[in-house]
Amino acid sequence: MIVAKQKPIEEIIETLKGYNKILILGCNECVTVCEAGGKKEVAVLASALRMYFMNQGQEVKIEEATLERQCDHEYLEEIRKTVDQYDAVLSLACGVGVQFLAEKYMHTPILPGVDTCFMGVTEERGVWSERCQGCGQCILAWTAGICPVSRCAKRLLNGPCGGSSKGKCEINKEVPCAWQIIIDRLNELGRMEDYERLIPIKDWSTERAGGPRKVVREDVRS
């Protein structure tokens, strides 16, 4: 899932200056799972902002809504009849949702309420960690399902660097060496021959280096 964290309240307040009627718009997908932008977070943030503006003696109307997703046209259509009533929309979706909302409603300021961090997993309640950078050329078949692009600090494709020590990365003694994890899992799977396979130089054009990316499935296009 896409992992995000809510922006500091001070930063949010700064972006809302000058707006008197604001819609806080949540998303029921990834940001709900990582507890950054779902219905509950919308309600808590709305309450905090109402209290702040009241204490400042400012008459600012804060309303709330949560869509199933903010990255699909059909769900964004749900606010078409009301979006023009607001001076601004504070979106608690990931950066994808914020941008898609802004493209959809060109005449309404769309402001981000969260910082989008990475694609990752839920390790435990309140703890999320990165697993994928969406590089567009997956090599997990040869690395025992462990991604060196996202989990190795140097994104090395053919074994650990010289800085790896006792299974830990040189950037931090608390960070496991991605290649140590890969080797341990290959050994567990009885597939150490995969470690001898040379992964060719990566074509980084499939990543962000090639500019904004698009996937087109002709078999599902209407």
C-alpha atoms as a PDB file:
ATOM      1  CA  MET A   1       0.000   0.000   0.000  1.00  0.00           C
ATOM      2  CA  ILE A   2       0.963   3.663  -0.260  1.00  0.00           C
ATOM      3  CA  VAL A   3       2.126   4.866   3.146  1.00  0.00           C
ATOM      4  CA  ALA A   4       1.620   8.475   4.208  1.00  0.00           C
ATOM      5  CA  LYS A   5       1.770  10.516   7.394  1.00  0.00           C
ATOM      6  CA  GLN A   6      -0.249  13.567   8.317  1.00  0.00           C
ATOM      7  CA  LYS A   7       1.486  16.893   7.940  1.00  0.00           C
ATOM      8  CA  PRO A   8       2.234  18.928  11.077  1.00  0.00           C
ATOM      9  CA  ILE A   9      -0.834  20.921  12.087  1.00  0.00           C
ATOM     10  CA  GLU A  10       1.187  24.137  11.889  1.00  0.00           C
ATOM     11  CA  GLU A  11       1.977  23.508   8.224  1.00  0.00           C
ATOM     12  CA  ILE A  12      -1.655  22.708   7.453  1.00  0.00           C
ATOM     13  CA  ILE A  13      -2.833  25.897   9.149  1.00  0.00           C
ATOM     14  CA  GLU A  14      -0.318  27.924   7.142  1.00  0.00           C
ATOM     15  CA  THR A  15      -1.654  26.555   3.843  1.00  0.00           C
ATOM     16  CA  LEU A  16      -5.245  27.328   4.859  1.00  0.00           C
ATOM     17  CA  LYS A  17      -4.686  31.040   5.491  1.00  0.00           C
ATOM     18  CA  GLY A  18      -7.166  33.208   3.651  1.00  0.00           C
ATOM     19  CA  TYR A  19      -9.792  30.481   3.142  1.00  0.00           C
ATOM     20  CA  ASN A  20     -13.086  30.777   4.988  1.00  0.00           C
ATOM     21  CA  LYS A  21     -14.927  27.632   3.876  1.00  0.00           C
ATOM     22  CA  ILE A  22     -12.866  24.445   3.712  1.00  0.00           C
ATOM     23  CA  LEU A  23     -13.677  20.835   2.882  1.00  0.00           C
ATOM     24  CA  ILE A  24     -11.472  18.211   4.491  1.00  0.00           C
ATOM     25  CA  LEU A  25     -11.613  15.228   2.151  1.00  0.00           C
ATOM     26  CA  GLY A  26     -10.466  11.805   3.283  1.00  0.00           C
ATOM     27  CA  CYS A  27      -9.821   8.575   1.388  1.00  0.00           C
ATOM     28  CA  ASN A  28     -10.970   5.084   2.389  1.00  0.00           C
ATOM     29  CA  GLU A  29      -8.003   3.270   0.885  1.00  0.00           C
ATOM     30  CA  CYS A  30      -4.266   3.285   1.740  1.00  0.00           C
ATOM     31  CA  VAL A  31      -4.253   6.377   3.957  1.00  0.00           C
ATOM     32  CA  THR A  32      -7.019   4.817   6.046  1.00  0.00           C
ATOM     33  CA  VAL A  33      -4.934   1.685   6.616  1.00  0.00           C
ATOM     34  CA  CYS A  34      -1.895   3.720   7.692  1.00  0.00           C
ATOM     35  CA  GLU A  35      -4.127   5.933   9.844  1.00  0.00           C
ATOM     36  CA  ALA A  36      -3.245   9.177   8.106  1.00  0.00           C
ATOM     37  CA  GLY A  37      -6.270  10.188   6.060  1.00  0.00           C
ATOM     38  CA  GLY A  38      -9.357   8.082   6.677  1.00  0.00           C
ATOM     39  CA  LYS A  39     -12.718   9.113   8.110  1.00  0.00           C
ATOM     40  CA  LYS A  40     -11.391   9.056  11.672  1.00  0.00           C
ATOM     41  CA  GLU A  41      -8.409  11.268  10.819  1.00  0.00           C
ATOM     42  CA  VAL A  42     -10.668  13.669   8.914  1.00  0.00           C
ATOM     43  CA  ALA A  43     -12.865  14.079  12.005  1.00  0.00           C
ATOM     44  CA  VAL A  44      -9.924  14.598  14.380  1.00  0.00           C
ATOM     45  CA  LEU A  45      -8.238  17.141  12.097  1.00  0.00           C
ATOM     46  CA  ALA A  46     -11.492  18.991  11.469  1.00  0.00           C
ATOM     47  CA  SER A  47     -12.080  19.274  15.216  1.00  0.00           C
ATOM     48  CA  ALA A  48      -8.541  20.558  15.802  1.00  0.00           C
ATOM     49  CA  LEU A  49      -8.857  23.152  13.043  1.00  0.00           C
ATOM     50  CA  ARG A  50     -12.258  24.365  14.265  1.00  0.00           C
ATOM     51  CA  MET A  51     -10.811  24.831  17.738  1.00  0.00           C
ATOM     52  CA  TYR A  52      -7.784  26.681  16.385  1.00  0.00           C
ATOM     53  CA  PHE A  53      -9.779  29.113  14.252  1.00  0.00           C
ATOM     54  CA  MET A  54     -12.292  29.686  17.070  1.00  0.00           C
ATOM     55  CA  ASN A  55      -9.460  30.553  19.454  1.00  0.00           C
ATOM     56  CA  GLN A  56      -8.096  32.944  16.846  1.00  0.00           C
ATOM     57  CA  GLY A  57     -11.469  34.633  16.574  1.00  0.00           C
ATOM     58  CA  GLN A  58     -11.764  33.655  12.907  1.00  0.00           C
ATOM     59  CA  GLU A  59     -15.008  32.541  11.323  1.00  0.00           C
ATOM     60  CA  VAL A  60     -13.857  29.563   9.253  1.00  0.00           C
ATOM     61  CA  LYS A  61     -16.316  26.853   8.287  1.00  0.00           C
ATOM     62  CA  ILE A  62     -14.855  23.347   8.199  1.00  0.00           C
ATOM     63  CA  GLU A  63     -16.798  20.517   6.584  1.00  0.00           C
ATOM     64  CA  GLU A  64     -15.914  16.830   6.239  1.00  0.00           C
ATOM     65  CA  ALA A  65     -16.259  14.103   3.628  1.00  0.00           C
ATOM     66  CA  THR A  66     -14.515  10.841   2.785  1.00  0.00           C
ATOM     67  CA  LEU A  67     -14.458   9.174  -0.630  1.00  0.00           C
ATOM     68  CA  GLU A  68     -13.867   5.519  -1.370  1.00  0.00           C
ATOM     69  CA  ARG A  69     -10.836   6.540  -3.419  1.00  0.00           C
ATOM     70  CA  GLN A  70      -9.400   9.788  -4.723  1.00  0.00           C
ATOM     71  CA  CYS A  71      -7.515   8.164  -7.597  1.00  0.00           C
ATOM     72  CA  ASP A  72     -10.584   7.156  -9.656  1.00  0.00           C
ATOM     73  CA  HIS A  73     -12.819   9.432 -11.728  1.00  0.00           C
ATOM     74  CA  GLU A  74     -16.038   7.780 -10.573  1.00  0.00           C
ATOM     75  CA  TYR A  75     -15.466   8.517  -6.899  1.00  0.00           C
ATOM     76  CA  LEU A  76     -14.301  12.085  -7.485  1.00  0.00           C
ATOM     77  CA  GLU A  77     -17.592  12.705  -9.266  1.00  0.00           C
ATOM     78  CA  GLU A  78     -19.346  12.378  -5.900  1.00  0.00           C
ATOM     79  CA  ILE A  79     -18.324  15.917  -4.931  1.00  0.00           C
ATOM     80  CA  ARG A  80     -18.901  17.582  -8.309  1.00  0.00           C
ATOM     81  CA  LYS A  81     -22.124  19.278  -7.237  1.00  0.00           C
ATOM     82  CA  THR A  82     -20.650  20.675  -4.022  1.00  0.00           C
ATOM     83  CA  VAL A  83     -16.944  21.327  -4.620  1.00  0.00           C
ATOM     84  CA  ASP A  84     -17.543  24.880  -5.894  1.00  0.00           C
ATOM     85  CA  GLN A  85     -19.067  25.803  -2.545  1.00  0.00           C
ATOM     86  CA  TYR A  86     -15.651  25.695  -0.898  1.00  0.00           C
ATOM     87  CA  ASP A  87     -12.756  28.131  -0.966  1.00  0.00           C
ATOM     88  CA  ALA A  88     -10.355  25.179  -0.780  1.00  0.00           C
ATOM     89  CA  VAL A  89     -10.241  21.414  -0.355  1.00  0.00           C
ATOM     90  CA  LEU A  90      -7.738  19.895   2.066  1.00  0.00           C
ATOM     91  CA  SER A  91      -7.134  16.383   0.779  1.00  0.00           C
ATOM     92  CA  LEU A  92      -5.885  13.683   3.135  1.00  0.00           C
ATOM     93  CA  ALA A  93      -5.266  11.294   0.237  1.00  0.00           C
ATOM     94  CA  CYS A  94      -1.786  10.421  -0.979  1.00  0.00           C
ATOM     95  CA  GLY A  95      -0.049  12.661  -3.510  1.00  0.00           C
ATOM     96  CA  VAL A  96      -1.723  10.723  -6.310  1.00  0.00           C
ATOM     97  CA  GLY A  97      -5.168  11.564  -5.000  1.00  0.00           C
ATOM     98  CA  VAL A  98      -4.298  15.223  -4.432  1.00  0.00           C
ATOM     99  CA  GLN A  99      -3.054  15.614  -8.001  1.00  0.00           C
ATOM    100  CA  PHE A 100      -5.974  13.746  -9.571  1.00  0.00           C
ATOM    101  CA  LEU A 101      -8.408  15.859  -7.569  1.00  0.00           C
ATOM    102  CA  ALA A 102      -6.623  19.025  -8.737  1.00  0.00           C
ATOM    103  CA  GLU A 103      -6.808  17.864 -12.363  1.00  0.00           C
ATOM    104  CA  LYS A 104     -10.510  17.149 -11.976  1.00  0.00           C
ATOM    105  CA  TYR A 105     -11.468  20.443 -10.341  1.00  0.00           C
ATOM    106  CA  MET A 106      -9.273  23.096 -11.897  1.00  0.00           C
ATOM    107  CA  HIS A 107     -11.001  26.100 -10.280  1.00  0.00           C
ATOM    108  CA  THR A 108     -10.738  24.963  -6.662  1.00  0.00           C
ATOM    109  CA  PRO A 109      -7.473  25.051  -4.672  1.00  0.00           C
ATOM    110  CA  ILE A 110      -6.576  21.485  -3.646  1.00  0.00           C
ATOM    111  CA  LEU A 111      -4.178  21.338  -0.695  1.00  0.00           C
ATOM    112  CA  PRO A 112      -2.297  18.314   0.692  1.00  0.00           C
ATOM    113  CA  GLY A 113      -2.866  17.311   4.287  1.00  0.00           C
ATOM    114  CA  VAL A 114      -0.416  14.399   4.330  1.00  0.00           C
ATOM    115  CA  ASP A 115       3.124  13.648   3.219  1.00  0.00           C
ATOM    116  CA  THR A 116       3.313  10.593   0.949  1.00  0.00           C
ATOM    117  CA  CYS A 117       6.245   8.440   2.026  1.00  0.00           C
ATOM    118  CA  PHE A 118       6.546   5.123   0.146  1.00  0.00           C
ATOM    119  CA  MET A 119       4.914   1.843  -0.831  1.00  0.00           C
ATOM    120  CA  GLY A 120       5.202  -0.486   2.102  1.00  0.00           C
ATOM    121  CA  VAL A 121       3.763  -2.941   4.590  1.00  0.00           C
ATOM    122  CA  THR A 122       2.224  -2.830   8.049  1.00  0.00           C
ATOM    123  CA  GLU A 123       4.727  -4.456  10.396  1.00  0.00           C
ATOM    124  CA  GLU A 124       2.499  -3.818  13.414  1.00  0.00           C
ATOM    125  CA  ARG A 125      -0.025  -1.220  14.558  1.00  0.00           C
ATOM    126  CA  GLY A 126       1.593   2.164  13.960  1.00  0.00           C
ATOM    127  CA  VAL A 127       4.675   0.797  12.179  1.00  0.00           C
ATOM    128  CA  TRP A 128       5.058   0.776   8.391  1.00  0.00           C
ATOM    129  CA  SER A 129       8.172   0.040   6.366  1.00  0.00           C
ATOM    130  CA  GLU A 130       9.160   0.450   2.731  1.00  0.00           C
ATOM    131  CA  ARG A 131       9.141  -2.517   0.384  1.00  0.00           C
ATOM    132  CA  CYS A 132       8.781  -1.205  -3.183  1.00  0.00           C
ATOM    133  CA  GLN A 133       9.790   1.850  -5.225  1.00  0.00           C
ATOM    134  CA  GLY A 134       7.791   0.945  -8.316  1.00  0.00           C
ATOM    135  CA  CYS A 135      10.898   0.733 -10.515  1.00  0.00           C
ATOM    136  CA  GLY A 136       8.971  -0.940 -13.341  1.00  0.00           C
ATOM    137  CA  GLN A 137      11.358  -3.886 -13.758  1.00  0.00           C
ATOM    138  CA  CYS A 138      10.874  -6.426 -10.976  1.00  0.00           C
ATOM    139  CA  ILE A 139      13.730  -8.809 -10.137  1.00  0.00           C
ATOM    140  CA  LEU A 140      12.191 -10.461  -7.067  1.00  0.00           C
ATOM    141  CA  ALA A 141      12.247 -13.862  -8.778  1.00  0.00           C
ATOM    142  CA  TRP A 142      16.048 -13.923  -8.437  1.00  0.00           C
ATOM    143  CA  THR A 143      16.389 -12.254  -5.039  1.00  0.00           C
ATOM    144  CA  ALA A 144      14.146 -14.551  -2.990  1.00  0.00           C
ATOM    145  CA  GLY A 145      11.288 -12.064  -2.947  1.00  0.00           C
ATOM    146  CA  ILE A 146      13.410  -9.380  -1.252  1.00  0.00           C
ATOM    147  CA  CYS A 147      13.846  -6.111  -3.189  1.00  0.00           C
ATOM    148  CA  PRO A 148      17.395  -4.700  -3.227  1.00  0.00           C
ATOM    149  CA  VAL A 149      16.171  -1.572  -5.029  1.00  0.00           C
ATOM    150  CA  SER A 150      13.988  -0.507  -2.119  1.00  0.00           C
ATOM    151  CA  ARG A 151      15.781  -2.170   0.790  1.00  0.00           C
ATOM    152  CA  CYS A 152      19.476  -1.685  -0.055  1.00  0.00           C
ATOM    153  CA  ALA A 153      20.660   1.864   0.646  1.00  0.00           C
ATOM    154  CA  LYS A 154      22.848   1.718  -2.475  1.00  0.00           C
ATOM    155  CA  ARG A 155      20.323  -0.232  -4.582  1.00  0.00           C
ATOM    156  CA  LEU A 156      22.956  -2.845  -5.400  1.00  0.00           C
ATOM    157  CA  LEU A 157      21.762  -5.692  -7.630  1.00  0.00           C
ATOM    158  CA  ASN A 158      24.509  -8.293  -7.231  1.00  0.00           C
ATOM    159  CA  GLY A 159      25.451  -8.699  -3.597  1.00  0.00           C
ATOM    160  CA  PRO A 160      26.334  -6.541  -0.613  1.00  0.00           C
ATOM    161  CA  CYS A 161      28.806  -3.664  -0.520  1.00  0.00           C
ATOM    162  CA  GLY A 162      31.986  -3.577   1.531  1.00  0.00           C
ATOM    163  CA  GLY A 163      30.272  -1.568   4.238  1.00  0.00           C
ATOM    164  CA  SER A 164      27.993  -4.396   5.305  1.00  0.00           C
ATOM    165  CA  SER A 165      29.030  -5.781   8.693  1.00  0.00           C
ATOM    166  CA  LYS A 166      27.532  -8.574  10.773  1.00  0.00           C
ATOM    167  CA  GLY A 167      24.373  -8.520   8.707  1.00  0.00           C
ATOM    168  CA  LYS A 168      23.817  -4.794   9.189  1.00  0.00           C
ATOM    169  CA  CYS A 169      23.916  -1.871   6.747  1.00  0.00           C
ATOM    170  CA  GLU A 170      26.647   0.727   7.121  1.00  0.00           C
ATOM    171  CA  ILE A 171      24.086   3.558   7.223  1.00  0.00           C
ATOM    172  CA  ASN A 172      22.784   2.400  10.599  1.00  0.00           C
ATOM    173  CA  LYS A 173      23.626  -0.562  12.804  1.00  0.00           C
ATOM    174  CA  GLU A 174      19.893  -1.071  13.377  1.00  0.00           C
ATOM    175  CA  VAL A 175      19.177  -1.465   9.641  1.00  0.00           C
ATOM    176  CA  PRO A 176      19.548  -5.028   8.301  1.00  0.00           C
ATOM    177  CA  CYS A 177      21.678  -5.468   5.203  1.00  0.00           C
ATOM    178  CA  ALA A 178      19.198  -6.220   2.413  1.00  0.00           C
ATOM    179  CA  TRP A 179      21.607  -8.644   0.787  1.00  0.00           C
ATOM    180  CA  GLN A 180      22.126 -10.517   4.041  1.00  0.00           C
ATOM    181  CA  ILE A 181      18.350 -11.011   4.168  1.00  0.00           C
ATOM    182  CA  ILE A 182      18.368 -12.161   0.533  1.00  0.00           C
ATOM    183  CA  ILE A 183      21.212 -14.630   1.100  1.00  0.00           C
ATOM    184  CA  ASP A 184      19.624 -16.034   4.255  1.00  0.00           C
ATOM    185  CA  ARG A 185      16.317 -16.583   2.449  1.00  0.00           C
ATOM    186  CA  LEU A 186      17.982 -18.118  -0.619  1.00  0.00           C
ATOM    187  CA  ASN A 187      19.783 -20.504   1.688  1.00  0.00           C
ATOM    188  CA  GLU A 188      16.538 -21.368   3.473  1.00  0.00           C
ATOM    189  CA  LEU A 189      14.875 -22.048   0.137  1.00  0.00           C
ATOM    190  CA  GLY A 190      17.787 -24.157  -1.118  1.00  0.00           C
ATOM    191  CA  ARG A 191      18.281 -21.768  -4.021  1.00  0.00           C
ATOM    192  CA  MET A 192      21.778 -20.421  -3.445  1.00  0.00           C
ATOM    193  CA  GLU A 193      22.468 -20.894  -7.148  1.00  0.00           C
ATOM    194  CA  ASP A 194      20.356 -17.773  -7.713  1.00  0.00           C
ATOM    195  CA  TYR A 195      22.996 -15.792  -5.812  1.00  0.00           C
ATOM    196  CA  GLU A 196      25.514 -16.769  -8.499  1.00  0.00           C
ATOM    197  CA  ARG A 197      23.256 -15.388 -11.234  1.00  0.00           C
ATOM    198  CA  LEU A 198      24.463 -12.012 -12.483  1.00  0.00           C
ATOM    199  CA  ILE A 199      21.601  -9.557 -12.692  1.00  0.00           C
ATOM    200  CA  PRO A 200      22.288  -7.314 -15.705  1.00  0.00           C
ATOM    201  CA  ILE A 201      22.624  -3.545 -15.492  1.00  0.00           C
ATOM    202  CA  LYS A 202      19.202  -2.181 -14.754  1.00  0.00           C
ATOM    203  CA  ASP A 203      17.280  -0.196 -17.327  1.00  0.00           C
ATOM    204  CA  TRP A 204      16.388   2.738 -15.109  1.00  0.00           C
ATOM    205  CA  SER A 205      14.225   4.264 -17.835  1.00  0.00           C
ATOM    206  CA  THR A 206      11.381   2.175 -16.436  1.00  0.00           C
ATOM    207  CA  GLU A 207      11.759   4.082 -13.163  1.00  0.00           C
ATOM    208  CA  ARG A 208      11.298   7.831 -12.623  1.00  0.00           C
ATOM    209  CA  ALA A 209      14.467   8.490 -14.638  1.00  0.00           C
ATOM    210  CA  GLY A 210      12.350   8.165 -17.770  1.00  0.00           C
ATOM    211  CA  GLY A 211       9.864  10.829 -16.658  1.00  0.00           C
ATOM    212  CA  PRO A 212       6.217  10.361 -15.631  1.00  0.00           C
ATOM    213  CA  ARG A 213       5.102   6.801 -16.361  1.00  0.00           C
ATOM    214  CA  LYS A 214       1.881   5.384 -17.731  1.00  0.00           C
ATOM    215  CA  VAL A 215       0.547   1.839 -18.039  1.00  0.00           C
ATOM    216  CA  VAL A 216      -1.901   1.193 -20.881  1.00  0.00           C
ATOM    217  CA  ARG A 217      -3.848  -2.105 -21.009  1.00  0.00           C
ATOM    218  CA  GLU A 218      -5.482  -2.318 -24.411  1.00  0.00           C
ATOM    219  CA  ASP A 219      -7.347  -5.472 -23.362  1.00  0.00           C
ATOM    220  CA  VAL A 220      -9.287  -3.605 -20.676  1.00  0.00           C
ATOM    221  CA  ARG A 221      -9.792  -0.239 -22.356  1.00  0.00           C
ATOM    222  CA  SER A 222     -13.371   0.595 -23.236  1.00  0.00           C
END
